Amino acid sequence: MADLHEVLITAELPADLTEEELAELRWHFGQGSCPEKFPIVVDHWPLTTVDEDGEPLPEGQWEIDRYPLLTQRGPADPRIGGITFAELAFREGESRPGWALSSRQVVHSDEFGLLEQLLRWLSHQADRVQGAPPRFSCHTRFYEDEQVLMPLELTGRDEEGDGDMN
């Protein structure tokens, strides 16, 4: 069974993000190497508990399996259709410099815990940007649903990133 979702994200972020935050964002968008620190998506990463042959590893040898969340580009899964993309760019200008981003991805339900942490962080950072329209938007669609994206509500505003994504 495929639990695939189309996820469309746009955000305007302030210009004063830290170098560690930018390094992680660039990595998630496929624009940089894996950072040393992860200030945005901090937990719920899967663990590698077996070796290359499928044999269990001793607990002390388990490794966190981190991977970027928004790097898909090109044709999307045919059940979703269209293309996937991700772009992060600095917007220069005197009136409102800052970071602009857009992404359309195909996400499996198992990855929502990780993605939710990133979305909460983006939403919080976008709240720091003054002016209208809203500076954060995320819409989703389950692949079997109608071809209409629905606004994503970040419920259970916990910091652990294990709330529901509706």
N, C-alpha and C. Protein backbone atom coordinates (compact mmCIF):
# COMPACT_ATOMS: atom_id res chain seq x y z
N MET A 1 0.84 -1.18 0.00
CA MET A 1 0.00 0.00 0.00
C MET A 1 0.88 1.24 0.00
N ALA A 2 0.56 2.17 -0.86
CA ALA A 2 1.33 3.40 -0.95
C ALA A 2 0.64 4.49 -0.15
N ASP A 3 1.36 5.05 0.78
CA ASP A 3 0.85 6.16 1.58
C ASP A 3 1.55 7.44 1.13
N LEU A 4 1.31 7.83 -0.11
CA LEU A 4 2.00 8.98 -0.69
C LEU A 4 1.15 10.23 -0.61
N HIS A 5 1.82 11.34 -0.35
CA HIS A 5 1.17 12.63 -0.25
C HIS A 5 1.93 13.64 -1.10
N GLU A 6 1.19 14.47 -1.80
CA GLU A 6 1.77 15.62 -2.46
C GLU A 6 1.86 16.72 -1.40
N VAL A 7 3.02 17.36 -1.29
CA VAL A 7 3.22 18.42 -0.31
C VAL A 7 3.79 19.64 -1.04
N LEU A 8 3.10 20.76 -0.93
CA LEU A 8 3.54 22.01 -1.54
C LEU A 8 3.78 23.03 -0.44
N ILE A 9 5.01 23.56 -0.39
CA ILE A 9 5.43 24.47 0.68
C ILE A 9 5.94 25.76 0.06
N THR A 10 5.55 26.90 0.63
CA THR A 10 6.17 28.18 0.31
C THR A 10 6.39 28.93 1.61
N ALA A 11 7.47 29.68 1.67
CA ALA A 11 7.75 30.45 2.88
C ALA A 11 8.68 31.61 2.55
N GLU A 12 8.52 32.66 3.32
CA GLU A 12 9.43 33.81 3.34
C GLU A 12 10.04 33.83 4.72
N LEU A 13 11.37 33.79 4.77
CA LEU A 13 12.07 33.73 6.05
C LEU A 13 12.92 34.98 6.23
N PRO A 14 13.20 35.34 7.48
CA PRO A 14 14.01 36.54 7.73
C PRO A 14 15.45 36.35 7.25
N ALA A 15 16.12 37.46 7.06
CA ALA A 15 17.50 37.45 6.56
C ALA A 15 18.49 37.01 7.63
N ASP A 16 18.11 37.05 8.90
CA ASP A 16 19.06 36.83 9.99
C ASP A 16 19.13 35.38 10.49
N LEU A 17 18.88 34.41 9.63
CA LEU A 17 19.03 33.01 10.04
C LEU A 17 20.48 32.74 10.39
N THR A 18 20.71 31.84 11.34
CA THR A 18 22.09 31.51 11.73
C THR A 18 22.75 30.66 10.64
N GLU A 19 24.07 30.61 10.67
CA GLU A 19 24.81 29.78 9.71
C GLU A 19 24.43 28.31 9.85
N GLU A 20 24.21 27.84 11.09
CA GLU A 20 23.81 26.44 11.30
C GLU A 20 22.43 26.18 10.71
N GLU A 21 21.50 27.12 10.88
CA GLU A 21 20.16 26.96 10.30
C GLU A 21 20.24 26.95 8.78
N LEU A 22 21.01 27.87 8.22
CA LEU A 22 21.15 27.91 6.76
C LEU A 22 21.81 26.65 6.21
N ALA A 23 22.81 26.14 6.92
CA ALA A 23 23.47 24.92 6.47
C ALA A 23 22.49 23.75 6.41
N GLU A 24 21.65 23.62 7.45
CA GLU A 24 20.67 22.53 7.44
C GLU A 24 19.61 22.76 6.36
N LEU A 25 19.13 23.99 6.22
CA LEU A 25 18.14 24.27 5.17
C LEU A 25 18.70 23.95 3.79
N ARG A 26 19.92 24.41 3.51
CA ARG A 26 20.53 24.14 2.21
C ARG A 26 20.63 22.64 1.96
N TRP A 27 20.99 21.89 2.99
CA TRP A 27 21.09 20.43 2.87
C TRP A 27 19.73 19.83 2.55
N HIS A 28 18.68 20.25 3.29
CA HIS A 28 17.34 19.71 3.03
C HIS A 28 16.88 20.03 1.61
N PHE A 29 17.32 21.16 1.05
CA PHE A 29 16.94 21.57 -0.30
C PHE A 29 17.91 21.07 -1.37
N GLY A 30 18.87 20.25 -0.99
CA GLY A 30 19.81 19.71 -1.96
C GLY A 30 20.81 20.72 -2.46
N GLN A 31 21.08 21.76 -1.67
CA GLN A 31 21.99 22.82 -2.08
C GLN A 31 23.26 22.87 -1.24
N GLY A 32 23.49 21.84 -0.45
CA GLY A 32 24.68 21.82 0.39
C GLY A 32 24.93 20.43 0.94
N SER A 33 26.10 20.28 1.52
CA SER A 33 26.47 18.98 2.10
C SER A 33 25.83 18.82 3.48
N CYS A 34 25.91 17.61 3.99
CA CYS A 34 25.33 17.29 5.30
C CYS A 34 26.01 18.15 6.38
N PRO A 35 25.22 18.90 7.15
CA PRO A 35 25.83 19.77 8.16
C PRO A 35 26.31 18.98 9.37
N GLU A 36 27.16 19.62 10.16
CA GLU A 36 27.64 18.99 11.39
C GLU A 36 26.58 19.02 12.48
N LYS A 37 25.78 20.09 12.51
CA LYS A 37 24.75 20.24 13.54
C LYS A 37 23.38 20.35 12.88
N PHE A 38 22.36 19.91 13.62
CA PHE A 38 20.99 19.91 13.13
C PHE A 38 20.09 20.68 14.10
N PRO A 39 20.01 22.01 13.95
CA PRO A 39 19.18 22.79 14.87
C PRO A 39 17.69 22.79 14.51
N ILE A 40 17.31 22.28 13.33
CA ILE A 40 15.92 22.36 12.88
C ILE A 40 15.20 21.03 13.08
N VAL A 41 15.63 20.00 12.40
CA VAL A 41 15.03 18.67 12.55
C VAL A 41 15.94 17.90 13.49
N VAL A 42 15.51 17.79 14.74
CA VAL A 42 16.42 17.29 15.78
C VAL A 42 16.19 15.85 16.20
N ASP A 43 14.97 15.31 16.05
CA ASP A 43 14.78 13.93 16.45
C ASP A 43 13.79 13.22 15.53
N HIS A 44 13.53 11.97 15.87
CA HIS A 44 12.68 11.06 15.10
C HIS A 44 13.37 10.55 13.83
N TRP A 45 14.69 10.70 13.75
CA TRP A 45 15.41 10.13 12.61
C TRP A 45 15.45 8.61 12.77
N PRO A 46 15.38 7.87 11.67
CA PRO A 46 15.47 6.40 11.79
C PRO A 46 16.87 5.98 12.20
N LEU A 47 16.95 4.80 12.79
CA LEU A 47 18.24 4.23 13.19
C LEU A 47 18.59 3.08 12.27
N THR A 48 19.86 3.00 11.90
CA THR A 48 20.36 1.84 11.18
C THR A 48 20.79 0.83 12.23
N THR A 49 20.10 -0.32 12.26
CA THR A 49 20.34 -1.32 13.31
C THR A 49 20.84 -2.65 12.75
N VAL A 50 21.04 -2.71 11.42
CA VAL A 50 21.57 -3.93 10.79
C VAL A 50 22.71 -3.55 9.87
N ASP A 51 23.60 -4.52 9.62
CA ASP A 51 24.71 -4.25 8.72
C ASP A 51 24.28 -4.48 7.27
N GLU A 52 25.24 -4.40 6.34
CA GLU A 52 24.95 -4.53 4.91
C GLU A 52 24.36 -5.89 4.57
N ASP A 53 24.64 -6.92 5.39
CA ASP A 53 24.14 -8.27 5.14
C ASP A 53 22.81 -8.54 5.84
N GLY A 54 22.26 -7.53 6.52
CA GLY A 54 21.00 -7.70 7.22
C GLY A 54 21.14 -8.28 8.61
N GLU A 55 22.36 -8.40 9.08
CA GLU A 55 22.60 -8.95 10.42
C GLU A 55 22.46 -7.83 11.46
N PRO A 56 21.86 -8.14 12.62
CA PRO A 56 21.70 -7.11 13.66
C PRO A 56 23.05 -6.60 14.16
N LEU A 57 23.11 -5.30 14.36
CA LEU A 57 24.30 -4.67 14.94
C LEU A 57 24.13 -4.57 16.45
N PRO A 58 25.23 -4.66 17.19
CA PRO A 58 25.14 -4.40 18.64
C PRO A 58 24.62 -2.97 18.85
N GLU A 59 23.89 -2.76 19.93
CA GLU A 59 23.25 -1.46 20.17
C GLU A 59 24.23 -0.30 20.12
N GLY A 60 25.44 -0.49 20.57
CA GLY A 60 26.43 0.57 20.56
C GLY A 60 26.88 0.97 19.17
N GLN A 61 26.55 0.17 18.14
CA GLN A 61 26.96 0.47 16.77
C GLN A 61 25.82 1.00 15.90
N TRP A 62 24.66 1.20 16.51
CA TRP A 62 23.55 1.77 15.74
C TRP A 62 23.90 3.20 15.32
N GLU A 63 23.45 3.59 14.15
CA GLU A 63 23.72 4.94 13.65
C GLU A 63 22.43 5.63 13.26
N ILE A 64 22.40 6.93 13.48
CA ILE A 64 21.26 7.73 13.05
C ILE A 64 21.34 7.89 11.53
N ASP A 65 20.25 7.60 10.86
CA ASP A 65 20.19 7.67 9.40
C ASP A 65 19.52 8.99 8.98
N ARG A 66 20.34 10.03 8.85
CA ARG A 66 19.81 11.34 8.45
C ARG A 66 19.82 11.45 6.93
N TYR A 67 18.79 12.07 6.40
CA TYR A 67 18.72 12.31 4.96
C TYR A 67 17.95 13.61 4.72
N PRO A 68 18.28 14.33 3.64
CA PRO A 68 17.57 15.58 3.36
C PRO A 68 16.12 15.30 2.96
N LEU A 69 15.23 16.21 3.34
CA LEU A 69 13.79 15.97 3.18
C LEU A 69 13.17 16.57 1.92
N LEU A 70 13.82 17.53 1.28
CA LEU A 70 13.18 18.25 0.17
C LEU A 70 14.06 18.29 -1.07
N THR A 71 14.66 17.19 -1.45
CA THR A 71 15.61 17.20 -2.56
C THR A 71 15.05 16.66 -3.87
N GLN A 72 13.81 16.20 -3.87
CA GLN A 72 13.28 15.62 -5.11
C GLN A 72 13.16 16.68 -6.19
N ARG A 73 13.57 16.30 -7.40
CA ARG A 73 13.44 17.16 -8.57
C ARG A 73 13.15 16.27 -9.76
N GLY A 74 12.31 16.75 -10.65
CA GLY A 74 11.99 15.98 -11.85
C GLY A 74 10.60 15.37 -11.77
N PRO A 75 10.33 14.39 -12.63
CA PRO A 75 8.99 13.79 -12.66
C PRO A 75 8.61 13.19 -11.31
N ALA A 76 7.41 13.50 -10.85
CA ALA A 76 6.90 12.96 -9.60
C ALA A 76 6.39 11.54 -9.83
N ASP A 77 6.15 10.83 -8.74
CA ASP A 77 5.52 9.52 -8.84
C ASP A 77 4.26 9.67 -9.68
N PRO A 78 4.01 8.77 -10.63
CA PRO A 78 2.86 8.93 -11.52
C PRO A 78 1.51 8.99 -10.80
N ARG A 79 1.43 8.44 -9.60
CA ARG A 79 0.18 8.52 -8.85
C ARG A 79 -0.09 9.94 -8.35
N ILE A 80 0.95 10.75 -8.26
CA ILE A 80 0.81 12.16 -7.87
C ILE A 80 0.76 13.03 -9.12
N GLY A 81 1.64 12.76 -10.06
CA GLY A 81 1.69 13.52 -11.31
C GLY A 81 2.53 14.78 -11.20
N GLY A 82 2.78 15.38 -12.34
CA GLY A 82 3.55 16.62 -12.39
C GLY A 82 5.02 16.41 -12.09
N ILE A 83 5.66 17.45 -11.61
CA ILE A 83 7.07 17.38 -11.27
C ILE A 83 7.28 17.76 -9.81
N THR A 84 8.44 17.38 -9.29
CA THR A 84 8.84 17.81 -7.96
C THR A 84 9.95 18.84 -8.12
N PHE A 85 10.04 19.74 -7.15
CA PHE A 85 11.07 20.77 -7.18
C PHE A 85 11.32 21.26 -5.77
N ALA A 86 12.43 21.95 -5.60
CA ALA A 86 12.76 22.58 -4.33
C ALA A 86 13.77 23.69 -4.61
N GLU A 87 13.50 24.87 -4.09
CA GLU A 87 14.40 25.99 -4.31
C GLU A 87 14.43 26.87 -3.06
N LEU A 88 15.62 27.25 -2.68
CA LEU A 88 15.86 28.17 -1.57
C LEU A 88 16.77 29.26 -2.11
N ALA A 89 16.35 30.52 -2.00
CA ALA A 89 17.13 31.62 -2.55
C ALA A 89 17.01 32.84 -1.65
N PHE A 90 18.07 33.65 -1.66
CA PHE A 90 18.06 34.88 -0.88
C PHE A 90 17.43 35.99 -1.72
N ARG A 91 16.48 36.70 -1.12
CA ARG A 91 15.83 37.82 -1.78
C ARG A 91 16.52 39.10 -1.29
N GLU A 92 17.16 39.79 -2.22
CA GLU A 92 17.83 41.03 -1.85
C GLU A 92 16.91 42.21 -2.09
N GLY A 93 17.20 43.28 -1.43
CA GLY A 93 16.40 44.49 -1.61
C GLY A 93 16.30 45.23 -0.30
N GLU A 94 16.12 46.52 -0.42
CA GLU A 94 16.07 47.35 0.78
C GLU A 94 14.78 47.16 1.57
N SER A 95 13.67 46.89 0.88
CA SER A 95 12.39 46.86 1.59
C SER A 95 12.24 45.62 2.47
N ARG A 96 12.61 44.45 1.99
CA ARG A 96 12.40 43.26 2.79
C ARG A 96 13.35 42.14 2.36
N PRO A 97 14.64 42.24 2.65
CA PRO A 97 15.53 41.14 2.30
C PRO A 97 15.23 39.92 3.16
N GLY A 98 15.53 38.77 2.64
CA GLY A 98 15.31 37.54 3.39
C GLY A 98 15.37 36.33 2.48
N TRP A 99 15.02 35.20 3.01
CA TRP A 99 15.08 33.93 2.29
C TRP A 99 13.70 33.56 1.79
N ALA A 100 13.64 33.16 0.52
CA ALA A 100 12.39 32.69 -0.08
C ALA A 100 12.58 31.22 -0.44
N LEU A 101 11.52 30.44 -0.23
CA LEU A 101 11.61 29.02 -0.59
C LEU A 101 10.28 28.51 -1.10
N SER A 102 10.38 27.54 -1.99
CA SER A 102 9.22 26.81 -2.50
C SER A 102 9.65 25.38 -2.74
N SER A 103 8.73 24.45 -2.50
CA SER A 103 9.03 23.04 -2.72
C SER A 103 7.74 22.28 -2.99
N ARG A 104 7.79 21.38 -3.94
CA ARG A 104 6.71 20.42 -4.18
C ARG A 104 7.37 19.05 -4.14
N GLN A 105 6.92 18.22 -3.21
CA GLN A 105 7.53 16.92 -2.99
C GLN A 105 6.46 15.83 -2.90
N VAL A 106 6.89 14.60 -3.09
CA VAL A 106 6.06 13.43 -2.82
C VAL A 106 6.60 12.81 -1.54
N VAL A 107 5.78 12.77 -0.51
CA VAL A 107 6.22 12.35 0.82
C VAL A 107 5.42 11.14 1.27
N HIS A 108 6.13 10.14 1.80
CA HIS A 108 5.47 8.97 2.38
C HIS A 108 5.02 9.31 3.80
N SER A 109 3.92 8.72 4.23
CA SER A 109 3.38 8.99 5.57
C SER A 109 4.41 8.76 6.67
N ASP A 110 5.32 7.80 6.48
CA ASP A 110 6.33 7.52 7.50
C ASP A 110 7.28 8.69 7.74
N GLU A 111 7.38 9.61 6.79
CA GLU A 111 8.31 10.74 6.91
C GLU A 111 7.66 11.98 7.51
N PHE A 112 6.37 11.94 7.81
CA PHE A 112 5.70 13.13 8.31
C PHE A 112 6.25 13.61 9.65
N GLY A 113 6.71 12.73 10.51
CA GLY A 113 7.27 13.16 11.79
C GLY A 113 8.48 14.05 11.61
N LEU A 114 9.34 13.69 10.65
CA LEU A 114 10.51 14.51 10.34
C LEU A 114 10.09 15.80 9.65
N LEU A 115 9.24 15.66 8.63
CA LEU A 115 8.81 16.84 7.88
C LEU A 115 8.08 17.83 8.77
N GLU A 116 7.31 17.33 9.72
CA GLU A 116 6.56 18.23 10.61
C GLU A 116 7.50 19.13 11.41
N GLN A 117 8.63 18.60 11.85
CA GLN A 117 9.59 19.43 12.58
C GLN A 117 10.08 20.58 11.70
N LEU A 118 10.39 20.27 10.44
CA LEU A 118 10.85 21.29 9.51
C LEU A 118 9.74 22.31 9.25
N LEU A 119 8.51 21.84 9.06
CA LEU A 119 7.39 22.75 8.79
C LEU A 119 7.11 23.67 9.98
N ARG A 120 7.17 23.13 11.19
CA ARG A 120 6.96 23.96 12.38
C ARG A 120 8.03 25.05 12.48
N TRP A 121 9.27 24.67 12.21
CA TRP A 121 10.36 25.63 12.26
C TRP A 121 10.14 26.71 11.20
N LEU A 122 9.80 26.30 9.97
CA LEU A 122 9.55 27.28 8.90
C LEU A 122 8.41 28.22 9.28
N SER A 123 7.34 27.67 9.84
CA SER A 123 6.20 28.48 10.25
C SER A 123 6.60 29.50 11.32
N HIS A 124 7.38 29.04 12.29
CA HIS A 124 7.83 29.93 13.37
C HIS A 124 8.72 31.04 12.81
N GLN A 125 9.66 30.69 11.94
CA GLN A 125 10.55 31.70 11.36
C GLN A 125 9.78 32.67 10.48
N ALA A 126 8.81 32.17 9.71
CA ALA A 126 8.02 33.03 8.84
C ALA A 126 7.19 34.02 9.65
N ASP A 127 6.80 33.64 10.86
CA ASP A 127 6.05 34.55 11.73
C ASP A 127 6.87 35.78 12.11
N ARG A 128 8.19 35.67 12.01
CA ARG A 128 9.06 36.80 12.34
C ARG A 128 9.12 37.84 11.22
N VAL A 129 8.65 37.49 10.03
CA VAL A 129 8.68 38.39 8.88
C VAL A 129 7.42 39.25 8.92
N GLN A 130 7.60 40.55 8.87
CA GLN A 130 6.48 41.48 8.95
C GLN A 130 5.83 41.68 7.59
N GLY A 131 4.53 41.89 7.60
CA GLY A 131 3.81 42.21 6.37
C GLY A 131 2.89 41.10 5.93
N ALA A 132 2.05 41.41 4.97
CA ALA A 132 1.12 40.43 4.41
C ALA A 132 1.54 40.19 2.97
N PRO A 133 1.20 39.13 2.38
CA PRO A 133 0.34 38.02 2.81
C PRO A 133 1.07 37.10 3.78
N PRO A 134 0.39 36.03 4.22
CA PRO A 134 1.06 35.10 5.13
C PRO A 134 2.39 34.63 4.55
N ARG A 135 3.34 34.48 5.41
CA ARG A 135 4.70 34.16 4.99
C ARG A 135 5.02 32.67 5.02
N PHE A 136 4.02 31.83 5.34
CA PHE A 136 4.20 30.38 5.32
C PHE A 136 2.92 29.74 4.82
N SER A 137 3.07 28.80 3.90
CA SER A 137 1.92 28.08 3.38
C SER A 137 2.34 26.65 3.09
N CYS A 138 1.50 25.71 3.50
CA CYS A 138 1.75 24.30 3.19
C CYS A 138 0.41 23.64 2.88
N HIS A 139 0.36 22.97 1.75
CA HIS A 139 -0.84 22.26 1.32
C HIS A 139 -0.46 20.82 1.00
N THR A 140 -1.38 19.90 1.28
CA THR A 140 -1.12 18.49 1.02
C THR A 140 -2.31 17.85 0.31
N ARG A 141 -2.02 16.69 -0.30
CA ARG A 141 -3.07 15.88 -0.92
C ARG A 141 -2.62 14.43 -0.90
N PHE A 142 -3.47 13.56 -0.36
CA PHE A 142 -3.22 12.13 -0.40
C PHE A 142 -3.41 11.68 -1.84
N TYR A 143 -2.57 10.78 -2.32
CA TYR A 143 -2.55 10.46 -3.74
C TYR A 143 -3.88 9.90 -4.27
N GLU A 144 -4.71 9.31 -3.42
CA GLU A 144 -5.99 8.76 -3.88
C GLU A 144 -7.13 9.78 -3.81
N ASP A 145 -6.88 10.93 -3.21
CA ASP A 145 -7.92 11.94 -3.06
C ASP A 145 -8.08 12.74 -4.35
N GLU A 146 -9.10 13.59 -4.36
CA GLU A 146 -9.33 14.47 -5.50
C GLU A 146 -8.08 15.30 -5.77
N GLN A 147 -8.00 15.85 -6.95
CA GLN A 147 -6.84 16.64 -7.35
C GLN A 147 -6.89 18.05 -6.77
N VAL A 148 -7.17 18.14 -5.47
CA VAL A 148 -7.25 19.43 -4.80
C VAL A 148 -6.33 19.41 -3.59
N LEU A 149 -5.40 20.35 -3.54
CA LEU A 149 -4.53 20.48 -2.38
C LEU A 149 -5.30 21.14 -1.25
N MET A 150 -5.13 20.62 -0.05
CA MET A 150 -5.81 21.16 1.13
C MET A 150 -4.77 21.81 2.05
N PRO A 151 -5.12 22.93 2.70
CA PRO A 151 -4.18 23.54 3.65
C PRO A 151 -3.82 22.54 4.74
N LEU A 152 -2.56 22.51 5.09
CA LEU A 152 -2.09 21.63 6.16
C LEU A 152 -2.21 22.37 7.48
N GLU A 153 -2.82 21.73 8.45
CA GLU A 153 -2.91 22.28 9.79
C GLU A 153 -1.91 21.56 10.67
N LEU A 154 -1.02 22.30 11.28
CA LEU A 154 -0.06 21.72 12.21
C LEU A 154 -0.75 21.66 13.56
N THR A 155 -1.27 20.49 13.92
CA THR A 155 -1.99 20.33 15.18
C THR A 155 -1.06 19.82 16.25
N GLY A 156 -1.53 19.84 17.50
CA GLY A 156 -0.71 19.32 18.60
C GLY A 156 0.61 20.04 18.69
N ARG A 157 0.61 21.32 18.74
CA ARG A 157 1.79 22.17 18.62
C ARG A 157 2.89 21.82 19.62
N ASP A 158 3.22 20.54 19.72
CA ASP A 158 4.29 20.12 20.62
C ASP A 158 5.64 20.35 19.97
N GLU A 159 6.65 20.40 20.77
CA GLU A 159 8.00 20.63 20.27
C GLU A 159 8.68 19.34 19.83
N GLU A 160 8.10 18.19 20.15
CA GLU A 160 8.72 16.92 19.80
C GLU A 160 8.48 16.55 18.35
N GLY A 161 7.55 17.21 17.68
CA GLY A 161 7.30 16.90 16.29
C GLY A 161 6.53 15.62 16.10
N ASP A 162 5.78 15.18 17.14
CA ASP A 162 5.01 13.95 16.98
C ASP A 162 3.52 14.23 16.98
N GLY A 163 3.13 15.48 16.75
CA GLY A 163 1.71 15.80 16.63
C GLY A 163 1.19 15.34 15.29
N ASP A 164 -0.10 15.46 15.10
CA ASP A 164 -0.71 15.02 13.86
C ASP A 164 -0.55 16.07 12.78
N MET A 165 -0.42 15.60 11.55
CA MET A 165 -0.44 16.48 10.39
C MET A 165 -1.72 16.18 9.65
N ASN A 166 -2.63 17.14 9.61
CA ASN A 166 -3.92 16.94 8.94
C ASN A 166 -3.97 17.78 7.69
